[in-house]
Amino acid sequence: TETLKGMGIEVVDFSGRPYDAGMVPEVVEVREDQGLPAGRAIIEETIAPTVTWRGQVIKPGQIIVKRSSARPQEHTKVVE
């Protein structure tokens, strides 16, 4: 690990982090999880890590995401 860091290469494991649709890794599977609050998604497993070199992504990873089965309710404005 230290040798890679010395070369400017970092291997990123996203497991356990909140999921955001704008993230670099490819989502290969989405699993429903009744235990998560509505609208939440968490990266359950990193299948392949994301590799960066000097801050630039050189190989996007692959992840499995778990999310709540319920979607957050959208607020609508009543028009009179």
C-alpha atoms as a PDB file:
ATOM      1  CA  THR A   1       0.000   0.000   0.000  1.00  0.00           C
ATOM      2  CA  GLU A   2       2.771   2.432   0.893  1.00  0.00           C
ATOM      3  CA  THR A   3       4.565   1.736  -2.397  1.00  0.00           C
ATOM      4  CA  LEU A   4       1.380   2.474  -4.363  1.00  0.00           C
ATOM      5  CA  LYS A   5       0.792   5.692  -2.416  1.00  0.00           C
ATOM      6  CA  GLY A   6       4.374   6.707  -3.146  1.00  0.00           C
ATOM      7  CA  MET A   7       3.594   6.312  -6.855  1.00  0.00           C
ATOM      8  CA  GLY A   8       0.404   8.393  -6.490  1.00  0.00           C
ATOM      9  CA  ILE A   9      -1.912   5.376  -6.852  1.00  0.00           C
ATOM     10  CA  GLU A  10      -4.830   4.897  -4.477  1.00  0.00           C
ATOM     11  CA  VAL A  11      -7.215   1.939  -4.282  1.00  0.00           C
ATOM     12  CA  VAL A  12     -10.648   3.047  -3.004  1.00  0.00           C
ATOM     13  CA  ASP A  13     -13.104   0.654  -1.323  1.00  0.00           C
ATOM     14  CA  PHE A  14     -16.535   2.290  -1.007  1.00  0.00           C
ATOM     15  CA  SER A  15     -18.123  -0.395   1.234  1.00  0.00           C
ATOM     16  CA  GLY A  16     -20.290   1.021   4.017  1.00  0.00           C
ATOM     17  CA  ARG A  17     -20.501   4.527   2.553  1.00  0.00           C
ATOM     18  CA  PRO A  18     -23.780   6.225   1.616  1.00  0.00           C
ATOM     19  CA  TYR A  19     -24.543   5.789  -2.086  1.00  0.00           C
ATOM     20  CA  ASP A  20     -24.911   8.792  -4.377  1.00  0.00           C
ATOM     21  CA  ALA A  21     -26.013   8.371  -8.005  1.00  0.00           C
ATOM     22  CA  GLY A  22     -23.125  10.587  -9.154  1.00  0.00           C
ATOM     23  CA  MET A  23     -20.433   8.252  -7.823  1.00  0.00           C
ATOM     24  CA  VAL A  24     -17.761   6.790 -10.118  1.00  0.00           C
ATOM     25  CA  PRO A  25     -18.196   3.020  -9.469  1.00  0.00           C
ATOM     26  CA  GLU A  26     -20.548   0.975 -11.623  1.00  0.00           C
ATOM     27  CA  VAL A  27     -23.562  -0.442  -9.759  1.00  0.00           C
ATOM     28  CA  VAL A  28     -23.822  -4.125 -10.685  1.00  0.00           C
ATOM     29  CA  GLU A  29     -26.662  -5.020  -8.322  1.00  0.00           C
ATOM     30  CA  VAL A  30     -29.246  -3.261  -6.153  1.00  0.00           C
ATOM     31  CA  ARG A  31     -30.735  -5.091  -3.174  1.00  0.00           C
ATOM     32  CA  GLU A  32     -33.791  -4.041  -1.197  1.00  0.00           C
ATOM     33  CA  ASP A  33     -33.319  -3.632   2.577  1.00  0.00           C
ATOM     34  CA  GLN A  34     -36.381  -3.132   4.792  1.00  0.00           C
ATOM     35  CA  GLY A  35     -34.137  -1.981   7.655  1.00  0.00           C
ATOM     36  CA  LEU A  36     -32.976   1.221   5.953  1.00  0.00           C
ATOM     37  CA  PRO A  37     -34.891   4.476   6.408  1.00  0.00           C
ATOM     38  CA  ALA A  38     -36.999   5.546   3.411  1.00  0.00           C
ATOM     39  CA  GLY A  39     -34.958   7.014   0.596  1.00  0.00           C
ATOM     40  CA  ARG A  40     -31.590   5.762   1.925  1.00  0.00           C
ATOM     41  CA  ALA A  41     -29.022   3.748  -0.022  1.00  0.00           C
ATOM     42  CA  ILE A  42     -25.710   2.342   1.215  1.00  0.00           C
ATOM     43  CA  ILE A  43     -22.886   0.601  -0.597  1.00  0.00           C
ATOM     44  CA  GLU A  44     -23.059  -2.942   0.740  1.00  0.00           C
ATOM     45  CA  GLU A  45     -20.060  -4.423  -1.039  1.00  0.00           C
ATOM     46  CA  THR A  46     -17.191  -3.403  -3.308  1.00  0.00           C
ATOM     47  CA  ILE A  47     -16.722  -6.045  -5.984  1.00  0.00           C
ATOM     48  CA  ALA A  48     -13.828  -4.239  -7.673  1.00  0.00           C
ATOM     49  CA  PRO A  49     -12.185  -1.163  -6.115  1.00  0.00           C
ATOM     50  CA  THR A  50     -11.849   2.179  -7.868  1.00  0.00           C
ATOM     51  CA  VAL A  51      -8.226   2.976  -8.705  1.00  0.00           C
ATOM     52  CA  THR A  52      -6.954   6.565  -8.905  1.00  0.00           C
ATOM     53  CA  TRP A  53      -3.618   7.987  -9.955  1.00  0.00           C
ATOM     54  CA  ARG A  54      -2.743  11.451  -8.701  1.00  0.00           C
ATOM     55  CA  GLY A  55      -6.422  12.110  -8.002  1.00  0.00           C
ATOM     56  CA  GLN A  56      -7.683  11.007 -11.438  1.00  0.00           C
ATOM     57  CA  VAL A  57      -9.791   7.859 -11.846  1.00  0.00           C
ATOM     58  CA  ILE A  58      -7.931   5.345 -13.992  1.00  0.00           C
ATOM     59  CA  LYS A  59     -10.228   2.377 -13.296  1.00  0.00           C
ATOM     60  CA  PRO A  60     -13.794   2.761 -12.006  1.00  0.00           C
ATOM     61  CA  GLY A  61     -14.841   0.072  -9.572  1.00  0.00           C
ATOM     62  CA  GLN A  62     -17.956  -2.056  -9.257  1.00  0.00           C
ATOM     63  CA  ILE A  63     -20.307  -2.053  -6.272  1.00  0.00           C
ATOM     64  CA  ILE A  64     -23.455  -3.618  -4.827  1.00  0.00           C
ATOM     65  CA  VAL A  65     -25.935  -1.150  -3.334  1.00  0.00           C
ATOM     66  CA  LYS A  66     -28.636  -1.824  -0.776  1.00  0.00           C
ATOM     67  CA  ARG A  67     -31.540   0.614  -0.532  1.00  0.00           C
ATOM     68  CA  SER A  68     -34.793   1.038   1.284  1.00  0.00           C
ATOM     69  CA  SER A  69     -37.800  -0.386  -0.493  1.00  0.00           C
ATOM     70  CA  ALA A  70     -39.839   2.754   0.146  1.00  0.00           C
ATOM     71  CA  ARG A  71     -39.178   5.970  -1.757  1.00  0.00           C
ATOM     72  CA  PRO A  72     -39.363   9.304   0.069  1.00  0.00           C
ATOM     73  CA  GLN A  73     -42.649  11.062  -0.554  1.00  0.00           C
ATOM     74  CA  GLU A  74     -42.497  14.069  -2.830  1.00  0.00           C
ATOM     75  CA  HIS A  75     -44.047  17.263  -1.573  1.00  0.00           C
ATOM     76  CA  THR A  76     -46.560  18.770  -3.930  1.00  0.00           C
ATOM     77  CA  LYS A  77     -47.916  22.269  -3.860  1.00  0.00           C
ATOM     78  CA  VAL A  78     -51.660  22.718  -4.011  1.00  0.00           C
ATOM     79  CA  VAL A  79     -52.645  25.258  -6.634  1.00  0.00           C
ATOM     80  CA  GLU A  80     -55.939  27.066  -6.086  1.00  0.00           C
END
